[in-house]
Amino acid sequence: MHRLLKKAGAERVSETAAEELRRILEEVALRIGREACILAGHAGRKTVRAEDIRLATKRVVMG
């Protein structure tokens, strides 16, 4: 998380900031994963594909 924040331009990153980013990213990733599983299921597949992740990300992030 420290590296991500530094890549984004932060000079210094506190432990609490890194932990909060990790928590939020994990929550968003779980939502995307759930949505991708639903999309794969609707397509009659058990395998989640990259396109499921892309579409799920659009649905979760864009609302």
C-alpha atoms as a PDB file:
ATOM      1  CA  MET A   1       0.000   0.000   0.000  1.00  0.00           C
ATOM      2  CA  HIS A   2       2.882   2.321   0.747  1.00  0.00           C
ATOM      3  CA  ARG A   3       4.226   1.844  -2.783  1.00  0.00           C
ATOM      4  CA  LEU A   4       0.826   2.527  -4.346  1.00  0.00           C
ATOM      5  CA  LEU A   5       0.401   5.747  -2.416  1.00  0.00           C
ATOM      6  CA  LYS A   6       3.944   6.837  -3.229  1.00  0.00           C
ATOM      7  CA  LYS A   7       3.317   6.088  -6.919  1.00  0.00           C
ATOM      8  CA  ALA A   8       0.264   8.328  -6.631  1.00  0.00           C
ATOM      9  CA  GLY A   9       2.508  11.142  -5.422  1.00  0.00           C
ATOM     10  CA  ALA A  10       2.600  10.895  -1.622  1.00  0.00           C
ATOM     11  CA  GLU A  11       5.953  11.791  -0.096  1.00  0.00           C
ATOM     12  CA  ARG A  12       5.224  10.040   3.186  1.00  0.00           C
ATOM     13  CA  VAL A  13       2.544   7.506   4.135  1.00  0.00           C
ATOM     14  CA  SER A  14       1.359   6.689   7.647  1.00  0.00           C
ATOM     15  CA  GLU A  15       0.635   3.125   8.708  1.00  0.00           C
ATOM     16  CA  THR A  16      -3.010   4.025   9.348  1.00  0.00           C
ATOM     17  CA  ALA A  17      -3.367   5.479   5.846  1.00  0.00           C
ATOM     18  CA  ALA A  18      -1.861   2.356   4.276  1.00  0.00           C
ATOM     19  CA  GLU A  19      -4.105   0.102   6.376  1.00  0.00           C
ATOM     20  CA  GLU A  20      -7.226   2.105   5.509  1.00  0.00           C
ATOM     21  CA  LEU A  21      -6.421   1.932   1.789  1.00  0.00           C
ATOM     22  CA  ARG A  22      -5.905  -1.835   2.102  1.00  0.00           C
ATOM     23  CA  ARG A  23      -9.252  -2.235   3.865  1.00  0.00           C
ATOM     24  CA  ILE A  24     -11.121  -0.170   1.273  1.00  0.00           C
ATOM     25  CA  LEU A  25      -9.476  -1.888  -1.712  1.00  0.00           C
ATOM     26  CA  GLU A  26     -10.270  -5.306  -0.251  1.00  0.00           C
ATOM     27  CA  GLU A  27     -13.924  -4.324   0.208  1.00  0.00           C
ATOM     28  CA  VAL A  28     -14.191  -3.026  -3.365  1.00  0.00           C
ATOM     29  CA  ALA A  29     -12.422  -6.122  -4.741  1.00  0.00           C
ATOM     30  CA  LEU A  30     -14.906  -8.379  -2.931  1.00  0.00           C
ATOM     31  CA  ARG A  31     -17.843  -6.458  -4.420  1.00  0.00           C
ATOM     32  CA  ILE A  32     -16.317  -6.725  -7.891  1.00  0.00           C
ATOM     33  CA  GLY A  33     -15.656 -10.436  -7.393  1.00  0.00           C
ATOM     34  CA  ARG A  34     -19.233 -11.111  -6.295  1.00  0.00           C
ATOM     35  CA  GLU A  35     -20.621  -9.208  -9.269  1.00  0.00           C
ATOM     36  CA  ALA A  36     -18.251 -11.032 -11.652  1.00  0.00           C
ATOM     37  CA  CYS A  37     -19.427 -14.398 -10.274  1.00  0.00           C
ATOM     38  CA  ILE A  38     -23.034 -13.398 -10.900  1.00  0.00           C
ATOM     39  CA  LEU A  39     -22.199 -12.324 -14.467  1.00  0.00           C
ATOM     40  CA  ALA A  40     -20.393 -15.595 -15.187  1.00  0.00           C
ATOM     41  CA  GLY A  41     -23.346 -17.529 -13.772  1.00  0.00           C
ATOM     42  CA  HIS A  42     -25.810 -15.652 -15.972  1.00  0.00           C
ATOM     43  CA  ALA A  43     -23.632 -16.558 -18.954  1.00  0.00           C
ATOM     44  CA  GLY A  44     -23.872 -20.230 -17.965  1.00  0.00           C
ATOM     45  CA  ARG A  45     -20.242 -20.452 -16.877  1.00  0.00           C
ATOM     46  CA  LYS A  46     -18.529 -21.456 -13.664  1.00  0.00           C
ATOM     47  CA  THR A  47     -15.318 -19.733 -14.745  1.00  0.00           C
ATOM     48  CA  VAL A  48     -14.977 -16.003 -14.136  1.00  0.00           C
ATOM     49  CA  ARG A  49     -13.296 -14.372 -17.123  1.00  0.00           C
ATOM     50  CA  ALA A  50     -11.461 -11.083 -17.541  1.00  0.00           C
ATOM     51  CA  GLU A  51     -14.459  -9.567 -19.296  1.00  0.00           C
ATOM     52  CA  ASP A  52     -16.621 -10.435 -16.261  1.00  0.00           C
ATOM     53  CA  ILE A  53     -14.177  -8.538 -14.057  1.00  0.00           C
ATOM     54  CA  ARG A  54     -14.153  -5.544 -16.424  1.00  0.00           C
ATOM     55  CA  LEU A  55     -17.950  -5.366 -16.596  1.00  0.00           C
ATOM     56  CA  ALA A  56     -18.318  -5.952 -12.851  1.00  0.00           C
ATOM     57  CA  THR A  57     -15.826  -3.163 -12.168  1.00  0.00           C
ATOM     58  CA  LYS A  58     -17.841  -0.754 -14.301  1.00  0.00           C
ATOM     59  CA  ARG A  59     -21.033  -1.737 -12.481  1.00  0.00           C
ATOM     60  CA  VAL A  60     -19.534  -1.488  -8.993  1.00  0.00           C
ATOM     61  CA  VAL A  61     -17.446   1.642  -9.486  1.00  0.00           C
ATOM     62  CA  MET A  62     -19.857   3.572 -11.693  1.00  0.00           C
ATOM     63  CA  GLY A  63     -22.881   2.551  -9.685  1.00  0.00           C
END
